[in-house]
Structure formats: C-alpha cells, structure tokens
Amino acid sequence: MHRITAIFLIMFLAAPASRAQVTIEVSKITCEQYLSFSVGDPRDINIWLSGYYHGKEGSTVFDPYRLRETAEKLKAECLVQANSKLPVMQVMQKVLGSSK
C-alpha cells in the first residue's frame, strides 16, 4: 500500500504545472487598467512598451534609467483624470513626444 501511495505522490509531484495562456492586446489597455494592475504588472507593460517603441526606431540600446524615467512620466500622465480612459499606447506617444 505504501508503494502505491509513493508512486502516486511521485507522479503528482513530477507532473508539470499547467498554466493558462493569456494574450493581451496592448493597444486596448487603458490608463485605468494600467494603474490598477488589472491586466498585468505595470513594470511588465513598461518593458513591453519600451521594446515596442525601440523596435519601431530600430534601436537596440537599453537604458534602464530612461525606462524608469519614461515609466514615471507615463504613470503621471495616466493619473490625470482626463486620461484615465485613454489607451496607454496613446498616452505613451504623448510622453515620448514631449521627451524628445
């Protein structure tokens, strides 16, 4: 009986954890969703946005300081009540336009 229990325990522990695959249409994330963590961690979204816009520019340079700075500007713009329903990508374009 102990062997059967041990076998089931080993099978249970050896089974890979299944994860749900979730995809998110970033262009539809609003500032409200971004700030409330409802679609993901804003840090992860910031990294994705950084990669997206750097890719559009053809840049392969990663500047952690600029990433943090841009993320803080994005957060500040999203906190403006008039921007709460706007897509994050639209607000990001405004932030990037003002930082150049």
PDB file of N, CA and C in Angstrom:
ATOM      1  N   MET A   1       0.835  -1.204   0.000  1.00  0.00           N
ATOM      2  CA  MET A   1       0.000   0.000   0.000  1.00  0.00           C
ATOM      3  C   MET A   1       0.872   1.257   0.000  1.00  0.00           C
ATOM      4  N   HIS A   2       2.005   1.173   0.723  1.00  0.00           N
ATOM      5  CA  HIS A   2       2.892   2.336   0.786  1.00  0.00           C
ATOM      6  C   HIS A   2       3.529   2.611  -0.573  1.00  0.00           C
ATOM      7  N   ARG A   3       3.793   1.544  -1.327  1.00  0.00           N
ATOM      8  CA  ARG A   3       4.382   1.724  -2.652  1.00  0.00           C
ATOM      9  C   ARG A   3       3.424   2.441  -3.594  1.00  0.00           C
ATOM     10  N   ILE A   4       2.163   2.069  -3.540  1.00  0.00           N
ATOM     11  CA  ILE A   4       1.164   2.713  -4.397  1.00  0.00           C
ATOM     12  C   ILE A   4       1.045   4.182  -4.041  1.00  0.00           C
ATOM     13  N   THR A   5       1.012   4.480  -2.777  1.00  0.00           N
ATOM     14  CA  THR A   5       0.949   5.872  -2.331  1.00  0.00           C
ATOM     15  C   THR A   5       2.183   6.633  -2.791  1.00  0.00           C
ATOM     16  N   ALA A   6       3.346   6.015  -2.671  1.00  0.00           N
ATOM     17  CA  ALA A   6       4.597   6.651  -3.087  1.00  0.00           C
ATOM     18  C   ALA A   6       4.600   6.897  -4.591  1.00  0.00           C
ATOM     19  N   ILE A   7       4.104   5.949  -5.361  1.00  0.00           N
ATOM     20  CA  ILE A   7       4.058   6.095  -6.820  1.00  0.00           C
ATOM     21  C   ILE A   7       3.140   7.246  -7.203  1.00  0.00           C
ATOM     22  N   PHE A   8       1.964   7.302  -6.594  1.00  0.00           N
ATOM     23  CA  PHE A   8       1.038   8.401  -6.891  1.00  0.00           C
ATOM     24  C   PHE A   8       1.621   9.748  -6.466  1.00  0.00           C
ATOM     25  N   LEU A   9       2.304   9.784  -5.362  1.00  0.00           N
ATOM     26  CA  LEU A   9       2.929  11.014  -4.893  1.00  0.00           C
ATOM     27  C   LEU A   9       4.010  11.471  -5.868  1.00  0.00           C
ATOM     28  N   ILE A  10       4.824  10.550  -6.340  1.00  0.00           N
ATOM     29  CA  ILE A  10       5.882  10.885  -7.308  1.00  0.00           C
ATOM     30  C   ILE A  10       5.259  11.360  -8.617  1.00  0.00           C
ATOM     31  N   MET A  11       4.224  10.691  -9.087  1.00  0.00           N
ATOM     32  CA  MET A  11       3.552  11.098 -10.327  1.00  0.00           C
ATOM     33  C   MET A  11       2.954  12.490 -10.189  1.00  0.00           C
ATOM     34  N   PHE A  12       2.365  12.763  -9.045  1.00  0.00           N
ATOM     35  CA  PHE A  12       1.747  14.066  -8.809  1.00  0.00           C
ATOM     36  C   PHE A  12       2.805  15.164  -8.779  1.00  0.00           C
ATOM     37  N   LEU A  13       3.911  14.928  -8.098  1.00  0.00           N
ATOM     38  CA  LEU A  13       4.958  15.927  -7.982  1.00  0.00           C
ATOM     39  C   LEU A  13       5.725  16.117  -9.283  1.00  0.00           C
ATOM     40  N   ALA A  14       5.811  15.068 -10.091  1.00  0.00           N
ATOM     41  CA  ALA A  14       6.559  15.136 -11.336  1.00  0.00           C
ATOM     42  C   ALA A  14       5.752  15.771 -12.470  1.00  0.00           C
ATOM     43  N   ALA A  15       4.448  15.829 -12.323  1.00  0.00           N
ATOM     44  CA  ALA A  15       3.599  16.397 -13.378  1.00  0.00           C
ATOM     45  C   ALA A  15       3.873  17.893 -13.495  1.00  0.00           C
ATOM     46  N   PRO A  16       4.078  18.382 -14.709  1.00  0.00           N
ATOM     47  CA  PRO A  16       4.341  19.811 -14.881  1.00  0.00           C
ATOM     48  C   PRO A  16       3.097  20.630 -14.548  1.00  0.00           C
ATOM     49  N   ALA A  17       3.340  21.777 -13.967  1.00  0.00           N
ATOM     50  CA  ALA A  17       2.232  22.665 -13.635  1.00  0.00           C
ATOM     51  C   ALA A  17       1.697  23.260 -14.927  1.00  0.00           C
ATOM     52  N   SER A  18       0.401  23.198 -15.100  1.00  0.00           N
ATOM     53  CA  SER A  18      -0.182  23.770 -16.304  1.00  0.00           C
ATOM     54  C   SER A  18      -0.527  25.227 -16.043  1.00  0.00           C
ATOM     55  N   ARG A  19      -0.245  26.049 -17.029  1.00  0.00           N
ATOM     56  CA  ARG A  19      -0.521  27.474 -16.914  1.00  0.00           C
ATOM     57  C   ARG A  19      -1.472  27.860 -18.030  1.00  0.00           C
ATOM     58  N   ALA A  20      -2.360  28.763 -17.696  1.00  0.00           N
ATOM     59  CA  ALA A  20      -3.270  29.258 -18.715  1.00  0.00           C
ATOM     60  C   ALA A  20      -2.507  30.225 -19.611  1.00  0.00           C
ATOM     61  N   GLN A  21      -2.692  30.104 -20.895  1.00  0.00           N
ATOM     62  CA  GLN A  21      -2.059  31.017 -21.817  1.00  0.00           C
ATOM     63  C   GLN A  21      -2.975  32.215 -22.005  1.00  0.00           C
ATOM     64  N   VAL A  22      -2.443  33.373 -21.693  1.00  0.00           N
ATOM     65  CA  VAL A  22      -3.224  34.590 -21.784  1.00  0.00           C
ATOM     66  C   VAL A  22      -2.517  35.538 -22.741  1.00  0.00           C
ATOM     67  N   THR A  23      -3.261  36.082 -23.652  1.00  0.00           N
ATOM     68  CA  THR A  23      -2.710  37.104 -24.530  1.00  0.00           C
ATOM     69  C   THR A  23      -3.480  38.392 -24.289  1.00  0.00           C
ATOM     70  N   ILE A  24      -2.776  39.487 -24.405  1.00  0.00           N
ATOM     71  CA  ILE A  24      -3.382  40.787 -24.135  1.00  0.00           C
ATOM     72  C   ILE A  24      -3.118  41.693 -25.319  1.00  0.00           C
ATOM     73  N   GLU A  25      -4.131  42.353 -25.787  1.00  0.00           N
ATOM     74  CA  GLU A  25      -3.994  43.335 -26.860  1.00  0.00           C
ATOM     75  C   GLU A  25      -3.584  44.652 -26.197  1.00  0.00           C
ATOM     76  N   VAL A  26      -2.290  44.944 -26.256  1.00  0.00           N
ATOM     77  CA  VAL A  26      -1.733  46.090 -25.537  1.00  0.00           C
ATOM     78  C   VAL A  26      -2.355  47.406 -25.990  1.00  0.00           C
ATOM     79  N   SER A  27      -2.707  47.508 -27.244  1.00  0.00           N
ATOM     80  CA  SER A  27      -3.282  48.759 -27.748  1.00  0.00           C
ATOM     81  C   SER A  27      -4.631  49.085 -27.113  1.00  0.00           C
ATOM     82  N   LYS A  28      -5.233  48.115 -26.448  1.00  0.00           N
ATOM     83  CA  LYS A  28      -6.541  48.339 -25.817  1.00  0.00           C
ATOM     84  C   LYS A  28      -6.459  48.560 -24.306  1.00  0.00           C
ATOM     85  N   ILE A  29      -5.265  48.483 -23.740  1.00  0.00           N
ATOM     86  CA  ILE A  29      -5.110  48.711 -22.293  1.00  0.00           C
ATOM     87  C   ILE A  29      -5.289  50.196 -22.012  1.00  0.00           C
ATOM     88  N   THR A  30      -6.221  50.514 -21.122  1.00  0.00           N
ATOM     89  CA  THR A  30      -6.440  51.913 -20.752  1.00  0.00           C
ATOM     90  C   THR A  30      -5.541  52.283 -19.571  1.00  0.00           C
ATOM     91  N   CYS A  31      -5.394  53.574 -19.360  1.00  0.00           N
ATOM     92  CA  CYS A  31      -4.611  54.046 -18.216  1.00  0.00           C
ATOM     93  C   CYS A  31      -5.188  53.505 -16.908  1.00  0.00           C
ATOM     94  N   GLU A  32      -6.499  53.471 -16.827  1.00  0.00           N
ATOM     95  CA  GLU A  32      -7.165  52.964 -15.626  1.00  0.00           C
ATOM     96  C   GLU A  32      -6.758  51.512 -15.356  1.00  0.00           C
ATOM     97  N   GLN A  33      -6.761  50.689 -16.380  1.00  0.00           N
ATOM     98  CA  GLN A  33      -6.359  49.288 -16.241  1.00  0.00           C
ATOM     99  C   GLN A  33      -4.876  49.178 -15.906  1.00  0.00           C
ATOM    100  N   TYR A  34      -4.078  50.003 -16.527  1.00  0.00           N
ATOM    101  CA  TYR A  34      -2.631  50.017 -16.294  1.00  0.00           C
ATOM    102  C   TYR A  34      -2.323  50.333 -14.835  1.00  0.00           C
ATOM    103  N   LEU A  35      -2.964  51.357 -14.300  1.00  0.00           N
ATOM    104  CA  LEU A  35      -2.695  51.786 -12.926  1.00  0.00           C
ATOM    105  C   LEU A  35      -3.246  50.820 -11.879  1.00  0.00           C
ATOM    106  N   SER A  36      -4.300  50.101 -12.229  1.00  0.00           N
ATOM    107  CA  SER A  36      -4.949  49.221 -11.249  1.00  0.00           C
ATOM    108  C   SER A  36      -4.398  47.789 -11.265  1.00  0.00           C
ATOM    109  N   PHE A  37      -3.376  47.524 -12.082  1.00  0.00           N
ATOM    110  CA  PHE A  37      -2.790  46.192 -12.195  1.00  0.00           C
ATOM    111  C   PHE A  37      -3.800  45.166 -12.701  1.00  0.00           C
ATOM    112  N   SER A  38      -4.895  45.582 -13.321  1.00  0.00           N
ATOM    113  CA  SER A  38      -5.948  44.631 -13.700  1.00  0.00           C
ATOM    114  C   SER A  38      -5.583  43.766 -14.910  1.00  0.00           C
ATOM    115  N   VAL A  39      -4.648  44.190 -15.728  1.00  0.00           N
ATOM    116  CA  VAL A  39      -4.251  43.374 -16.874  1.00  0.00           C
ATOM    117  C   VAL A  39      -2.830  42.847 -16.742  1.00  0.00           C
ATOM    118  N   GLY A  40      -2.127  43.287 -15.748  1.00  0.00           N
ATOM    119  CA  GLY A  40      -0.747  42.854 -15.545  1.00  0.00           C
ATOM    120  C   GLY A  40       0.009  43.881 -14.727  1.00  0.00           C
ATOM    121  N   ASP A  41       1.204  43.526 -14.375  1.00  0.00           N
ATOM    122  CA  ASP A  41       2.067  44.413 -13.606  1.00  0.00           C
ATOM    123  C   ASP A  41       2.527  45.550 -14.523  1.00  0.00           C
ATOM    124  N   PRO A  42       2.334  46.805 -14.113  1.00  0.00           N
ATOM    125  CA  PRO A  42       2.765  47.924 -14.954  1.00  0.00           C
ATOM    126  C   PRO A  42       4.245  47.861 -15.339  1.00  0.00           C
ATOM    127  N   ARG A  43       5.091  47.283 -14.493  1.00  0.00           N
ATOM    128  CA  ARG A  43       6.512  47.151 -14.848  1.00  0.00           C
ATOM    129  C   ARG A  43       6.678  46.272 -16.082  1.00  0.00           C
ATOM    130  N   ASP A  44       5.904  45.197 -16.155  1.00  0.00           N
ATOM    131  CA  ASP A  44       5.973  44.327 -17.330  1.00  0.00           C
ATOM    132  C   ASP A  44       5.476  45.056 -18.577  1.00  0.00           C
ATOM    133  N   ILE A  45       4.417  45.819 -18.419  1.00  0.00           N
ATOM    134  CA  ILE A  45       3.866  46.585 -19.536  1.00  0.00           C
ATOM    135  C   ILE A  45       4.873  47.638 -19.987  1.00  0.00           C
ATOM    136  N   ASN A  46       5.550  48.277 -19.032  1.00  0.00           N
ATOM    137  CA  ASN A  46       6.572  49.273 -19.371  1.00  0.00           C
ATOM    138  C   ASN A  46       7.694  48.656 -20.195  1.00  0.00           C
ATOM    139  N   ILE A  47       8.125  47.476 -19.802  1.00  0.00           N
ATOM    140  CA  ILE A  47       9.193  46.795 -20.535  1.00  0.00           C
ATOM    141  C   ILE A  47       8.733  46.470 -21.954  1.00  0.00           C
ATOM    142  N   TRP A  48       7.498  45.978 -22.079  1.00  0.00           N
ATOM    143  CA  TRP A  48       6.971  45.666 -23.402  1.00  0.00           C
ATOM    144  C   TRP A  48       6.907  46.931 -24.257  1.00  0.00           C
ATOM    145  N   LEU A  49       6.373  48.018 -23.690  1.00  0.00           N
ATOM    146  CA  LEU A  49       6.265  49.275 -24.427  1.00  0.00           C
ATOM    147  C   LEU A  49       7.638  49.776 -24.857  1.00  0.00           C
ATOM    148  N   SER A  50       8.609  49.664 -23.963  1.00  0.00           N
ATOM    149  CA  SER A  50       9.968  50.086 -24.288  1.00  0.00           C
ATOM    150  C   SER A  50      10.495  49.301 -25.488  1.00  0.00           C
ATOM    151  N   GLY A  51      10.325  48.008 -25.463  1.00  0.00           N
ATOM    152  CA  GLY A  51      10.772  47.173 -26.574  1.00  0.00           C
ATOM    153  C   GLY A  51      10.044  47.504 -27.865  1.00  0.00           C
ATOM    154  N   TYR A  52       8.751  47.748 -27.746  1.00  0.00           N
ATOM    155  CA  TYR A  52       7.948  48.057 -28.932  1.00  0.00           C
ATOM    156  C   TYR A  52       8.430  49.352 -29.590  1.00  0.00           C
ATOM    157  N   TYR A  53       8.566  50.405 -28.791  1.00  0.00           N
ATOM    158  CA  TYR A  53       8.960  51.693 -29.366  1.00  0.00           C
ATOM    159  C   TYR A  53      10.420  51.711 -29.797  1.00  0.00           C
ATOM    160  N   HIS A  54      11.284  51.004 -29.077  1.00  0.00           N
ATOM    161  CA  HIS A  54      12.678  50.902 -29.521  1.00  0.00           C
ATOM    162  C   HIS A  54      12.754  50.123 -30.841  1.00  0.00           C
ATOM    163  N   GLY A  55      11.927  49.110 -30.964  1.00  0.00           N
ATOM    164  CA  GLY A  55      11.883  48.342 -32.204  1.00  0.00           C
ATOM    165  C   GLY A  55      11.427  49.187 -33.378  1.00  0.00           C
ATOM    166  N   LYS A  56      10.439  50.039 -33.147  1.00  0.00           N
ATOM    167  CA  LYS A  56       9.962  50.922 -34.210  1.00  0.00           C
ATOM    168  C   LYS A  56      11.054  51.886 -34.661  1.00  0.00           C
ATOM    169  N   GLU A  57      11.908  52.286 -33.719  1.00  0.00           N
ATOM    170  CA  GLU A  57      13.003  53.207 -34.033  1.00  0.00           C
ATOM    171  C   GLU A  57      14.227  52.470 -34.578  1.00  0.00           C
ATOM    172  N   GLY A  58      14.227  51.157 -34.480  1.00  0.00           N
ATOM    173  CA  GLY A  58      15.374  50.370 -34.917  1.00  0.00           C
ATOM    174  C   GLY A  58      16.525  50.421 -33.928  1.00  0.00           C
ATOM    175  N   SER A  59      16.238  50.775 -32.693  1.00  0.00           N
ATOM    176  CA  SER A  59      17.274  50.897 -31.664  1.00  0.00           C
ATOM    177  C   SER A  59      17.380  49.607 -30.857  1.00  0.00           C
ATOM    178  N   THR A  60      18.611  49.187 -30.605  1.00  0.00           N
ATOM    179  CA  THR A  60      18.841  48.008 -29.766  1.00  0.00           C
ATOM    180  C   THR A  60      19.465  48.397 -28.428  1.00  0.00           C
ATOM    181  N   VAL A  61      19.462  49.680 -28.112  1.00  0.00           N
ATOM    182  CA  VAL A  61      20.062  50.177 -26.879  1.00  0.00           C
ATOM    183  C   VAL A  61      19.030  50.127 -25.752  1.00  0.00           C
ATOM    184  N   PHE A  62      19.447  49.575 -24.617  1.00  0.00           N
ATOM    185  CA  PHE A  62      18.578  49.531 -23.433  1.00  0.00           C
ATOM    186  C   PHE A  62      19.176  50.440 -22.367  1.00  0.00           C
ATOM    187  N   ASP A  63      18.402  51.422 -21.946  1.00  0.00           N
ATOM    188  CA  ASP A  63      18.838  52.367 -20.916  1.00  0.00           C
ATOM    189  C   ASP A  63      17.873  52.244 -19.735  1.00  0.00           C
ATOM    190  N   PRO A  64      18.269  51.530 -18.671  1.00  0.00           N
ATOM    191  CA  PRO A  64      17.371  51.331 -17.527  1.00  0.00           C
ATOM    192  C   PRO A  64      16.900  52.642 -16.896  1.00  0.00           C
ATOM    193  N   TYR A  65      17.784  53.644 -16.865  1.00  0.00           N
ATOM    194  CA  TYR A  65      17.403  54.928 -16.291  1.00  0.00           C
ATOM    195  C   TYR A  65      16.285  55.564 -17.118  1.00  0.00           C
ATOM    196  N   ARG A  66      16.434  55.520 -18.445  1.00  0.00           N
ATOM    197  CA  ARG A  66      15.399  56.105 -19.319  1.00  0.00           C
ATOM    198  C   ARG A  66      14.088  55.328 -19.209  1.00  0.00           C
ATOM    199  N   LEU A  67      14.181  54.013 -19.054  1.00  0.00           N
ATOM    200  CA  LEU A  67      12.979  53.198 -18.883  1.00  0.00           C
ATOM    201  C   LEU A  67      12.214  53.641 -17.642  1.00  0.00           C
ATOM    202  N   ARG A  68      12.937  53.801 -16.532  1.00  0.00           N
ATOM    203  CA  ARG A  68      12.300  54.249 -15.287  1.00  0.00           C
ATOM    204  C   ARG A  68      11.706  55.646 -15.435  1.00  0.00           C
ATOM    205  N   GLU A  69      12.465  56.529 -16.058  1.00  0.00           N
ATOM    206  CA  GLU A  69      12.024  57.908 -16.255  1.00  0.00           C
ATOM    207  C   GLU A  69      10.754  57.964 -17.106  1.00  0.00           C
ATOM    208  N   THR A  70      10.750  57.228 -18.192  1.00  0.00           N
ATOM    209  CA  THR A  70       9.587  57.187 -19.077  1.00  0.00           C
ATOM    210  C   THR A  70       8.384  56.563 -18.374  1.00  0.00           C
ATOM    211  N   ALA A  71       8.631  55.521 -17.585  1.00  0.00           N
ATOM    212  CA  ALA A  71       7.544  54.866 -16.847  1.00  0.00           C
ATOM    213  C   ALA A  71       6.915  55.828 -15.835  1.00  0.00           C
ATOM    214  N   GLU A  72       7.738  56.625 -15.172  1.00  0.00           N
ATOM    215  CA  GLU A  72       7.211  57.605 -14.210  1.00  0.00           C
ATOM    216  C   GLU A  72       6.387  58.677 -14.917  1.00  0.00           C
ATOM    217  N   LYS A  73       6.850  59.110 -16.086  1.00  0.00           N
ATOM    218  CA  LYS A  73       6.094  60.100 -16.863  1.00  0.00           C
ATOM    219  C   LYS A  73       4.764  59.510 -17.329  1.00  0.00           C
ATOM    220  N   LEU A  74       4.801  58.252 -17.764  1.00  0.00           N
ATOM    221  CA  LEU A  74       3.575  57.586 -18.200  1.00  0.00           C
ATOM    222  C   LEU A  74       2.592  57.478 -17.049  1.00  0.00           C
ATOM    223  N   LYS A  75       3.081  57.092 -15.900  1.00  0.00           N
ATOM    224  CA  LYS A  75       2.215  56.972 -14.722  1.00  0.00           C
ATOM    225  C   LYS A  75       1.598  58.327 -14.370  1.00  0.00           C
ATOM    226  N   ALA A  76       2.412  59.379 -14.394  1.00  0.00           N
ATOM    227  CA  ALA A  76       1.912  60.723 -14.069  1.00  0.00           C
ATOM    228  C   ALA A  76       0.837  61.159 -15.063  1.00  0.00           C
ATOM    229  N   GLU A  77       1.059  60.894 -16.350  1.00  0.00           N
ATOM    230  CA  GLU A  77       0.060  61.247 -17.365  1.00  0.00           C
ATOM    231  C   GLU A  77      -1.213  60.437 -17.195  1.00  0.00           C
ATOM    232  N   CYS A  78      -1.074  59.174 -16.833  1.00  0.00           N
ATOM    233  CA  CYS A  78      -2.252  58.325 -16.639  1.00  0.00           C
ATOM    234  C   CYS A  78      -3.061  58.742 -15.420  1.00  0.00           C
ATOM    235  N   LEU A  79      -2.394  59.339 -14.439  1.00  0.00           N
ATOM    236  CA  LEU A  79      -3.094  59.784 -13.232  1.00  0.00           C
ATOM    237  C   LEU A  79      -3.969  61.005 -13.483  1.00  0.00           C
ATOM    238  N   VAL A  80      -3.734  61.708 -14.586  1.00  0.00           N
ATOM    239  CA  VAL A  80      -4.575  62.849 -14.941  1.00  0.00           C
ATOM    240  C   VAL A  80      -5.955  62.299 -15.287  1.00  0.00           C
ATOM    241  N   GLN A  81      -6.963  62.807 -14.608  1.00  0.00           N
ATOM    242  CA  GLN A  81      -8.329  62.273 -14.745  1.00  0.00           C
ATOM    243  C   GLN A  81      -8.788  62.189 -16.203  1.00  0.00           C
ATOM    244  N   ALA A  82      -8.451  63.169 -17.004  1.00  0.00           N
ATOM    245  CA  ALA A  82      -8.899  63.187 -18.400  1.00  0.00           C
ATOM    246  C   ALA A  82      -8.282  62.048 -19.212  1.00  0.00           C
ATOM    247  N   ASN A  83      -7.193  61.479 -18.729  1.00  0.00           N
ATOM    248  CA  ASN A  83      -6.511  60.418 -19.475  1.00  0.00           C
ATOM    249  C   ASN A  83      -6.890  59.013 -19.019  1.00  0.00           C
ATOM    250  N   SER A  84      -7.702  58.871 -17.994  1.00  0.00           N
ATOM    251  CA  SER A  84      -7.953  57.548 -17.399  1.00  0.00           C
ATOM    252  C   SER A  84      -8.560  56.537 -18.373  1.00  0.00           C
ATOM    253  N   LYS A  85      -9.338  57.001 -19.334  1.00  0.00           N
ATOM    254  CA  LYS A  85      -9.982  56.086 -20.295  1.00  0.00           C
ATOM    255  C   LYS A  85      -9.203  55.964 -21.601  1.00  0.00           C
ATOM    256  N   LEU A  86      -8.128  56.731 -21.733  1.00  0.00           N
ATOM    257  CA  LEU A  86      -7.328  56.670 -22.957  1.00  0.00           C
ATOM    258  C   LEU A  86      -6.456  55.421 -22.974  1.00  0.00           C
ATOM    259  N   PRO A  87      -6.163  54.913 -24.175  1.00  0.00           N
ATOM    260  CA  PRO A  87      -5.235  53.775 -24.274  1.00  0.00           C
ATOM    261  C   PRO A  87      -3.833  54.187 -23.817  1.00  0.00           C
ATOM    262  N   VAL A  88      -3.161  53.303 -23.112  1.00  0.00           N
ATOM    263  CA  VAL A  88      -1.817  53.563 -22.611  1.00  0.00           C
ATOM    264  C   VAL A  88      -0.874  53.904 -23.761  1.00  0.00           C
ATOM    265  N   MET A  89      -1.033  53.234 -24.888  1.00  0.00           N
ATOM    266  CA  MET A  89      -0.139  53.493 -26.010  1.00  0.00           C
ATOM    267  C   MET A  89      -0.308  54.914 -26.541  1.00  0.00           C
ATOM    268  N   GLN A  90      -1.505  55.435 -26.504  1.00  0.00           N
ATOM    269  CA  GLN A  90      -1.748  56.809 -26.938  1.00  0.00           C
ATOM    270  C   GLN A  90      -1.074  57.792 -25.975  1.00  0.00           C
ATOM    271  N   VAL A  91      -1.194  57.518 -24.685  1.00  0.00           N
ATOM    272  CA  VAL A  91      -0.566  58.371 -23.682  1.00  0.00           C
ATOM    273  C   VAL A  91       0.958  58.250 -23.779  1.00  0.00           C
ATOM    274  N   MET A  92       1.457  57.060 -24.051  1.00  0.00           N
ATOM    275  CA  MET A  92       2.898  56.850 -24.194  1.00  0.00           C
ATOM    276  C   MET A  92       3.443  57.660 -25.362  1.00  0.00           C
ATOM    277  N   GLN A  93       2.719  57.721 -26.466  1.00  0.00           N
ATOM    278  CA  GLN A  93       3.163  58.516 -27.606  1.00  0.00           C
ATOM    279  C   GLN A  93       3.281  59.987 -27.219  1.00  0.00           C
ATOM    280  N   LYS A  94       2.348  60.455 -26.396  1.00  0.00           N
ATOM    281  CA  LYS A  94       2.398  61.836 -25.912  1.00  0.00           C
ATOM    282  C   LYS A  94       3.640  62.025 -25.029  1.00  0.00           C
ATOM    283  N   VAL A  95       3.900  61.068 -24.149  1.00  0.00           N
ATOM    284  CA  VAL A  95       5.068  61.140 -23.262  1.00  0.00           C
ATOM    285  C   VAL A  95       6.363  61.121 -24.076  1.00  0.00           C
ATOM    286  N   LEU A  96       6.453  60.226 -25.044  1.00  0.00           N
ATOM    287  CA  LEU A  96       7.659  60.137 -25.863  1.00  0.00           C
ATOM    288  C   LEU A  96       7.848  61.379 -26.726  1.00  0.00           C
ATOM    289  N   GLY A  97       6.743  61.948 -27.175  1.00  0.00           N
ATOM    290  CA  GLY A  97       6.834  63.172 -27.973  1.00  0.00           C
ATOM    291  C   GLY A  97       7.347  64.344 -27.165  1.00  0.00           C
ATOM    292  N   SER A  98       6.981  64.399 -25.871  1.00  0.00           N
ATOM    293  CA  SER A  98       7.408  65.508 -25.025  1.00  0.00           C
ATOM    294  C   SER A  98       8.821  65.306 -24.497  1.00  0.00           C
ATOM    295  N   SER A  99       9.341  64.065 -24.547  1.00  0.00           N
ATOM    296  CA  SER A  99      10.678  63.820 -24.008  1.00  0.00           C
ATOM    297  C   SER A  99      11.766  63.985 -25.061  1.00  0.00           C
ATOM    298  N   LYS A 100      11.373  64.250 -26.295  1.00  0.00           N
ATOM    299  CA  LYS A 100      12.375  64.410 -27.361  1.00  0.00           C
ATOM    300  C   LYS A 100      12.732  65.858 -27.532  1.00  0.00           C
TER     301      LYS A 100
END
